[in-house]
Amino acid sequence: MADLNNPKVQKILNSKAFAHLATIGAKGEPNSSVMWFLWDEEYIKFTHTTERQKYQNIKRDPRVAITITDPNDPYTYAEFRGMVDKIEEDPTGAFYNILAEKYGSSSRYRGDPRVVLCVKVDRILGYV
């Protein structure tokens, strides 16, 4: 099992790679989506609207798995397991705009109700 201080894990967490965020559906089925993310040295953070199924899944069961591949070496990846430890309101979409800039997107906040999902990592697996 890797740890958060592993240089390969840090490289992945500080990259512009896309994360695959998996949640648990109402009937126990997995739900996985490609997402922008930001690592702030405490949480892996995502932005999401409150109108989508993934948000409902997290409200019901905060357990998640996140897989991120090293953009320079597709055989190196980390799977982060943990919980959405807190959900922060983002009424102005400021965090969405931060992520859009990080990922080089011209897209900006469109007025939909948004939150910031803060994932506390409990376990790291993968090939790192």
N, C-alpha and C. Protein backbone atom coordinates (compact mmCIF):
# COMPACT_ATOMS: atom_id res chain seq x y z
N MET A 1 0.85 -1.19 0.00
CA MET A 1 0.00 0.00 0.00
C MET A 1 0.88 1.24 0.00
N ALA A 2 0.59 2.17 -0.88
CA ALA A 2 1.34 3.42 -0.98
C ALA A 2 0.87 4.40 0.08
N ASP A 3 1.63 5.48 0.24
CA ASP A 3 1.19 6.52 1.16
C ASP A 3 1.20 7.87 0.46
N LEU A 4 0.59 8.84 1.09
CA LEU A 4 0.45 10.17 0.47
C LEU A 4 1.79 10.86 0.24
N ASN A 5 2.85 10.45 0.96
CA ASN A 5 4.16 11.07 0.80
C ASN A 5 5.00 10.42 -0.29
N ASN A 6 4.52 9.34 -0.86
CA ASN A 6 5.22 8.67 -1.94
C ASN A 6 5.37 9.67 -3.10
N PRO A 7 6.59 9.87 -3.63
CA PRO A 7 6.79 10.85 -4.71
C PRO A 7 5.92 10.59 -5.94
N LYS A 8 5.68 9.33 -6.28
CA LYS A 8 4.83 9.02 -7.44
C LYS A 8 3.37 9.40 -7.16
N VAL A 9 2.93 9.18 -5.93
CA VAL A 9 1.57 9.57 -5.54
C VAL A 9 1.45 11.09 -5.58
N GLN A 10 2.44 11.79 -5.05
CA GLN A 10 2.41 13.26 -5.07
C GLN A 10 2.39 13.79 -6.51
N LYS A 11 3.17 13.15 -7.39
CA LYS A 11 3.19 13.57 -8.79
C LYS A 11 1.80 13.45 -9.40
N ILE A 12 1.13 12.33 -9.13
CA ILE A 12 -0.23 12.11 -9.65
C ILE A 12 -1.20 13.14 -9.07
N LEU A 13 -1.12 13.36 -7.76
CA LEU A 13 -2.06 14.28 -7.10
C LEU A 13 -1.86 15.73 -7.54
N ASN A 14 -0.67 16.07 -7.97
CA ASN A 14 -0.40 17.45 -8.39
C ASN A 14 -0.41 17.62 -9.90
N SER A 15 -0.88 16.61 -10.60
CA SER A 15 -0.91 16.64 -12.06
C SER A 15 -2.23 17.25 -12.57
N LYS A 16 -2.30 17.37 -13.89
CA LYS A 16 -3.54 17.79 -14.55
C LYS A 16 -4.28 16.59 -15.11
N ALA A 17 -3.98 15.41 -14.59
CA ALA A 17 -4.70 14.21 -15.02
C ALA A 17 -6.16 14.31 -14.60
N PHE A 18 -7.00 13.56 -15.28
CA PHE A 18 -8.40 13.48 -14.89
C PHE A 18 -8.56 12.36 -13.88
N ALA A 19 -9.46 12.56 -12.95
CA ALA A 19 -9.75 11.54 -11.94
C ALA A 19 -11.03 10.80 -12.33
N HIS A 20 -11.09 9.53 -11.98
CA HIS A 20 -12.31 8.74 -12.14
C HIS A 20 -12.88 8.59 -10.73
N LEU A 21 -13.99 9.25 -10.48
CA LEU A 21 -14.63 9.24 -9.16
C LEU A 21 -15.78 8.25 -9.18
N ALA A 22 -15.69 7.24 -8.31
CA ALA A 22 -16.72 6.21 -8.22
C ALA A 22 -17.50 6.37 -6.92
N THR A 23 -18.83 6.32 -7.05
CA THR A 23 -19.73 6.36 -5.91
C THR A 23 -20.59 5.10 -5.93
N ILE A 24 -21.41 4.96 -4.91
CA ILE A 24 -22.28 3.79 -4.77
C ILE A 24 -23.72 4.23 -4.98
N GLY A 25 -24.39 3.61 -5.96
CA GLY A 25 -25.78 3.95 -6.27
C GLY A 25 -26.75 3.40 -5.23
N ALA A 26 -28.00 3.77 -5.37
CA ALA A 26 -29.05 3.40 -4.42
C ALA A 26 -29.24 1.89 -4.27
N LYS A 27 -28.95 1.14 -5.33
CA LYS A 27 -29.10 -0.31 -5.28
C LYS A 27 -27.76 -1.02 -5.14
N GLY A 28 -26.73 -0.26 -4.76
CA GLY A 28 -25.41 -0.83 -4.57
C GLY A 28 -24.55 -0.86 -5.81
N GLU A 29 -25.07 -0.33 -6.92
CA GLU A 29 -24.32 -0.36 -8.17
C GLU A 29 -23.26 0.74 -8.18
N PRO A 30 -22.10 0.47 -8.82
CA PRO A 30 -21.08 1.51 -8.92
C PRO A 30 -21.47 2.56 -9.95
N ASN A 31 -21.05 3.79 -9.72
CA ASN A 31 -21.26 4.90 -10.64
C ASN A 31 -19.93 5.62 -10.74
N SER A 32 -19.34 5.65 -11.92
CA SER A 32 -18.02 6.25 -12.10
C SER A 32 -18.10 7.36 -13.14
N SER A 33 -17.43 8.48 -12.85
CA SER A 33 -17.40 9.63 -13.76
C SER A 33 -16.00 10.21 -13.80
N VAL A 34 -15.64 10.72 -14.96
CA VAL A 34 -14.37 11.42 -15.11
C VAL A 34 -14.57 12.84 -14.60
N MET A 35 -13.63 13.29 -13.77
CA MET A 35 -13.79 14.57 -13.09
C MET A 35 -12.48 15.35 -13.05
N TRP A 36 -12.60 16.68 -13.02
CA TRP A 36 -11.48 17.53 -12.65
C TRP A 36 -11.31 17.44 -11.15
N PHE A 37 -10.09 17.63 -10.65
CA PHE A 37 -9.86 17.59 -9.21
C PHE A 37 -8.73 18.54 -8.83
N LEU A 38 -8.62 18.80 -7.53
CA LEU A 38 -7.52 19.58 -6.98
C LEU A 38 -7.11 18.94 -5.66
N TRP A 39 -5.84 18.74 -5.47
CA TRP A 39 -5.29 18.23 -4.20
C TRP A 39 -4.78 19.43 -3.41
N ASP A 40 -5.26 19.59 -2.17
CA ASP A 40 -4.84 20.74 -1.37
C ASP A 40 -3.97 20.34 -0.17
N GLU A 41 -3.37 19.16 -0.27
CA GLU A 41 -2.50 18.59 0.78
C GLU A 41 -3.29 18.01 1.95
N GLU A 42 -4.60 18.15 1.95
CA GLU A 42 -5.46 17.52 2.96
C GLU A 42 -6.59 16.74 2.31
N TYR A 43 -7.19 17.30 1.29
CA TYR A 43 -8.33 16.70 0.61
C TYR A 43 -8.10 16.63 -0.90
N ILE A 44 -8.72 15.62 -1.53
CA ILE A 44 -8.91 15.65 -2.97
C ILE A 44 -10.27 16.31 -3.15
N LYS A 45 -10.29 17.41 -3.90
CA LYS A 45 -11.52 18.20 -4.03
C LYS A 45 -12.08 18.14 -5.44
N PHE A 46 -13.39 18.06 -5.51
CA PHE A 46 -14.13 18.05 -6.76
C PHE A 46 -15.23 19.09 -6.67
N THR A 47 -15.72 19.54 -7.81
CA THR A 47 -16.91 20.36 -7.84
C THR A 47 -18.03 19.56 -8.50
N HIS A 48 -19.24 19.79 -8.06
CA HIS A 48 -20.37 19.06 -8.62
C HIS A 48 -21.64 19.86 -8.43
N THR A 49 -22.60 19.61 -9.31
CA THR A 49 -23.90 20.25 -9.12
C THR A 49 -24.71 19.42 -8.12
N THR A 50 -25.67 20.04 -7.51
CA THR A 50 -26.52 19.33 -6.56
C THR A 50 -27.69 18.64 -7.26
N GLU A 51 -27.75 18.76 -8.58
CA GLU A 51 -28.87 18.23 -9.35
C GLU A 51 -28.58 16.88 -10.00
N ARG A 52 -27.39 16.34 -9.83
CA ARG A 52 -27.03 15.10 -10.51
C ARG A 52 -27.03 13.91 -9.56
N GLN A 53 -27.08 12.73 -10.15
CA GLN A 53 -27.15 11.48 -9.38
C GLN A 53 -25.94 11.28 -8.48
N LYS A 54 -24.76 11.62 -8.96
CA LYS A 54 -23.56 11.41 -8.15
C LYS A 54 -23.66 12.14 -6.81
N TYR A 55 -24.19 13.35 -6.83
CA TYR A 55 -24.36 14.10 -5.59
C TYR A 55 -25.33 13.38 -4.66
N GLN A 56 -26.42 12.85 -5.21
CA GLN A 56 -27.38 12.11 -4.40
C GLN A 56 -26.73 10.85 -3.81
N ASN A 57 -25.93 10.17 -4.62
CA ASN A 57 -25.21 8.98 -4.13
C ASN A 57 -24.32 9.34 -2.94
N ILE A 58 -23.59 10.42 -3.05
CA ILE A 58 -22.67 10.83 -1.98
C ILE A 58 -23.42 11.26 -0.74
N LYS A 59 -24.54 11.94 -0.90
CA LYS A 59 -25.33 12.33 0.27
C LYS A 59 -25.83 11.10 1.03
N ARG A 60 -26.17 10.04 0.29
CA ARG A 60 -26.68 8.83 0.90
C ARG A 60 -25.55 7.97 1.48
N ASP A 61 -24.42 7.88 0.74
CA ASP A 61 -23.30 7.04 1.16
C ASP A 61 -22.02 7.75 0.74
N PRO A 62 -21.28 8.34 1.67
CA PRO A 62 -20.13 9.17 1.32
C PRO A 62 -18.86 8.39 0.95
N ARG A 63 -18.92 7.07 0.92
CA ARG A 63 -17.73 6.30 0.53
C ARG A 63 -17.48 6.44 -0.97
N VAL A 64 -16.22 6.67 -1.33
CA VAL A 64 -15.85 6.84 -2.73
C VAL A 64 -14.53 6.15 -3.02
N ALA A 65 -14.29 5.90 -4.30
CA ALA A 65 -12.99 5.46 -4.80
C ALA A 65 -12.63 6.38 -5.95
N ILE A 66 -11.37 6.74 -6.01
CA ILE A 66 -10.87 7.66 -7.03
C ILE A 66 -9.64 7.03 -7.66
N THR A 67 -9.64 6.92 -8.98
CA THR A 67 -8.46 6.42 -9.68
C THR A 67 -7.91 7.53 -10.55
N ILE A 68 -6.59 7.72 -10.45
CA ILE A 68 -5.90 8.73 -11.25
C ILE A 68 -4.65 8.08 -11.84
N THR A 69 -4.49 8.24 -13.15
CA THR A 69 -3.34 7.68 -13.86
C THR A 69 -2.29 8.76 -14.08
N ASP A 70 -1.02 8.40 -13.93
CA ASP A 70 0.06 9.32 -14.23
C ASP A 70 -0.02 9.69 -15.71
N PRO A 71 -0.15 10.98 -16.04
CA PRO A 71 -0.31 11.35 -17.45
C PRO A 71 0.91 11.02 -18.32
N ASN A 72 2.08 10.84 -17.71
CA ASN A 72 3.29 10.52 -18.45
C ASN A 72 3.59 9.03 -18.52
N ASP A 73 2.88 8.25 -17.73
CA ASP A 73 3.12 6.80 -17.68
C ASP A 73 1.80 6.10 -17.35
N PRO A 74 1.05 5.67 -18.38
CA PRO A 74 -0.28 5.09 -18.13
C PRO A 74 -0.26 3.78 -17.33
N TYR A 75 0.92 3.23 -17.08
CA TYR A 75 1.01 2.03 -16.26
C TYR A 75 1.20 2.35 -14.78
N THR A 76 1.32 3.62 -14.48
CA THR A 76 1.44 4.06 -13.10
C THR A 76 0.15 4.78 -12.72
N TYR A 77 -0.49 4.31 -11.67
CA TYR A 77 -1.75 4.91 -11.23
C TYR A 77 -1.90 4.72 -9.73
N ALA A 78 -2.82 5.45 -9.16
CA ALA A 78 -3.16 5.30 -7.75
C ALA A 78 -4.68 5.27 -7.62
N GLU A 79 -5.13 4.40 -6.74
CA GLU A 79 -6.55 4.37 -6.37
C GLU A 79 -6.63 4.86 -4.94
N PHE A 80 -7.43 5.89 -4.75
CA PHE A 80 -7.61 6.49 -3.43
C PHE A 80 -8.99 6.11 -2.93
N ARG A 81 -9.05 5.50 -1.78
CA ARG A 81 -10.35 5.17 -1.17
C ARG A 81 -10.54 6.06 0.05
N GLY A 82 -11.76 6.49 0.22
CA GLY A 82 -12.03 7.36 1.36
C GLY A 82 -13.48 7.76 1.43
N MET A 83 -13.69 8.87 2.10
CA MET A 83 -15.04 9.37 2.34
C MET A 83 -15.10 10.85 1.97
N VAL A 84 -16.26 11.27 1.51
CA VAL A 84 -16.49 12.70 1.36
C VAL A 84 -16.69 13.21 2.79
N ASP A 85 -15.67 13.86 3.29
CA ASP A 85 -15.60 14.29 4.69
C ASP A 85 -16.43 15.56 4.93
N LYS A 86 -16.48 16.40 3.90
CA LYS A 86 -17.30 17.62 4.01
C LYS A 86 -17.73 18.06 2.63
N ILE A 87 -18.84 18.76 2.60
CA ILE A 87 -19.39 19.33 1.38
C ILE A 87 -19.56 20.82 1.64
N GLU A 88 -18.88 21.62 0.81
CA GLU A 88 -18.92 23.07 0.97
C GLU A 88 -19.79 23.69 -0.12
N GLU A 89 -20.62 24.61 0.26
CA GLU A 89 -21.43 25.35 -0.72
C GLU A 89 -20.50 26.18 -1.60
N ASP A 90 -20.85 26.32 -2.87
CA ASP A 90 -20.08 27.15 -3.80
C ASP A 90 -21.05 27.96 -4.66
N PRO A 91 -21.75 28.92 -4.04
CA PRO A 91 -22.83 29.64 -4.74
C PRO A 91 -22.37 30.47 -5.92
N THR A 92 -21.10 30.86 -5.98
CA THR A 92 -20.62 31.67 -7.10
C THR A 92 -19.85 30.84 -8.12
N GLY A 93 -19.68 29.54 -7.85
CA GLY A 93 -18.94 28.68 -8.77
C GLY A 93 -17.46 28.99 -8.80
N ALA A 94 -16.94 29.62 -7.76
CA ALA A 94 -15.52 30.00 -7.73
C ALA A 94 -14.60 28.79 -7.88
N PHE A 95 -14.93 27.68 -7.22
CA PHE A 95 -14.07 26.51 -7.31
C PHE A 95 -14.14 25.90 -8.71
N TYR A 96 -15.31 25.92 -9.32
CA TYR A 96 -15.43 25.45 -10.70
C TYR A 96 -14.47 26.24 -11.60
N ASN A 97 -14.45 27.55 -11.44
CA ASN A 97 -13.58 28.40 -12.25
C ASN A 97 -12.10 28.12 -12.00
N ILE A 98 -11.74 27.83 -10.75
CA ILE A 98 -10.35 27.46 -10.42
C ILE A 98 -9.96 26.19 -11.16
N LEU A 99 -10.85 25.19 -11.14
CA LEU A 99 -10.56 23.94 -11.83
C LEU A 99 -10.51 24.13 -13.34
N ALA A 100 -11.40 24.94 -13.89
CA ALA A 100 -11.39 25.22 -15.33
C ALA A 100 -10.05 25.83 -15.74
N GLU A 101 -9.54 26.74 -14.95
CA GLU A 101 -8.24 27.34 -15.25
C GLU A 101 -7.13 26.31 -15.14
N LYS A 102 -7.14 25.48 -14.09
CA LYS A 102 -6.13 24.44 -13.93
C LYS A 102 -6.06 23.54 -15.16
N TYR A 103 -7.22 23.17 -15.68
CA TYR A 103 -7.30 22.23 -16.79
C TYR A 103 -7.28 22.90 -18.16
N GLY A 104 -7.11 24.23 -18.19
CA GLY A 104 -7.00 24.95 -19.46
C GLY A 104 -8.29 25.02 -20.25
N SER A 105 -9.43 24.98 -19.55
CA SER A 105 -10.72 25.05 -20.22
C SER A 105 -11.21 26.50 -20.27
N SER A 106 -11.86 26.85 -21.36
CA SER A 106 -12.46 28.19 -21.45
C SER A 106 -13.83 28.22 -20.78
N SER A 107 -14.33 27.07 -20.37
CA SER A 107 -15.62 26.99 -19.69
C SER A 107 -15.55 27.72 -18.35
N ARG A 108 -16.62 28.37 -17.98
CA ARG A 108 -16.72 29.06 -16.69
C ARG A 108 -18.08 28.75 -16.08
N TYR A 109 -18.23 29.08 -14.83
CA TYR A 109 -19.45 28.84 -14.07
C TYR A 109 -20.67 29.34 -14.82
N ARG A 110 -21.71 28.47 -14.89
CA ARG A 110 -22.92 28.79 -15.68
C ARG A 110 -24.16 29.06 -14.82
N GLY A 111 -23.99 29.14 -13.52
CA GLY A 111 -25.11 29.47 -12.68
C GLY A 111 -25.83 28.31 -12.04
N ASP A 112 -25.38 27.07 -12.30
CA ASP A 112 -26.03 25.91 -11.68
C ASP A 112 -25.62 25.81 -10.21
N PRO A 113 -26.47 25.22 -9.36
CA PRO A 113 -26.13 25.11 -7.94
C PRO A 113 -24.96 24.14 -7.75
N ARG A 114 -23.85 24.62 -7.17
CA ARG A 114 -22.64 23.82 -7.07
C ARG A 114 -22.18 23.68 -5.63
N VAL A 115 -21.45 22.59 -5.40
CA VAL A 115 -20.81 22.33 -4.13
C VAL A 115 -19.38 21.85 -4.40
N VAL A 116 -18.56 21.90 -3.36
CA VAL A 116 -17.20 21.35 -3.41
C VAL A 116 -17.22 20.10 -2.54
N LEU A 117 -16.85 18.98 -3.13
CA LEU A 117 -16.77 17.69 -2.43
C LEU A 117 -15.35 17.50 -1.96
N CYS A 118 -15.15 17.34 -0.66
CA CYS A 118 -13.82 17.21 -0.06
C CYS A 118 -13.63 15.78 0.42
N VAL A 119 -12.75 15.05 -0.26
CA VAL A 119 -12.54 13.63 0.03
C VAL A 119 -11.30 13.46 0.91
N LYS A 120 -11.49 12.82 2.04
CA LYS A 120 -10.40 12.48 2.94
C LYS A 120 -9.95 11.07 2.58
N VAL A 121 -8.68 10.92 2.20
CA VAL A 121 -8.14 9.63 1.78
C VAL A 121 -7.84 8.76 2.98
N ASP A 122 -8.37 7.51 2.94
CA ASP A 122 -8.12 6.53 4.00
C ASP A 122 -7.10 5.47 3.57
N ARG A 123 -7.07 5.19 2.26
CA ARG A 123 -6.23 4.09 1.78
C ARG A 123 -5.82 4.38 0.33
N ILE A 124 -4.60 4.00 0.01
CA ILE A 124 -4.09 4.18 -1.35
C ILE A 124 -3.60 2.84 -1.86
N LEU A 125 -4.13 2.45 -3.04
CA LEU A 125 -3.72 1.24 -3.71
C LEU A 125 -3.22 1.63 -5.09
N GLY A 126 -2.74 0.67 -5.84
CA GLY A 126 -2.38 0.92 -7.23
C GLY A 126 -0.97 0.49 -7.54
N TYR A 127 -0.54 0.90 -8.69
CA TYR A 127 0.78 0.56 -9.18
C TYR A 127 1.61 1.83 -9.21
N VAL A 128 2.15 2.20 -8.06
CA VAL A 128 2.96 3.40 -7.94
C VAL A 128 4.31 3.07 -7.34
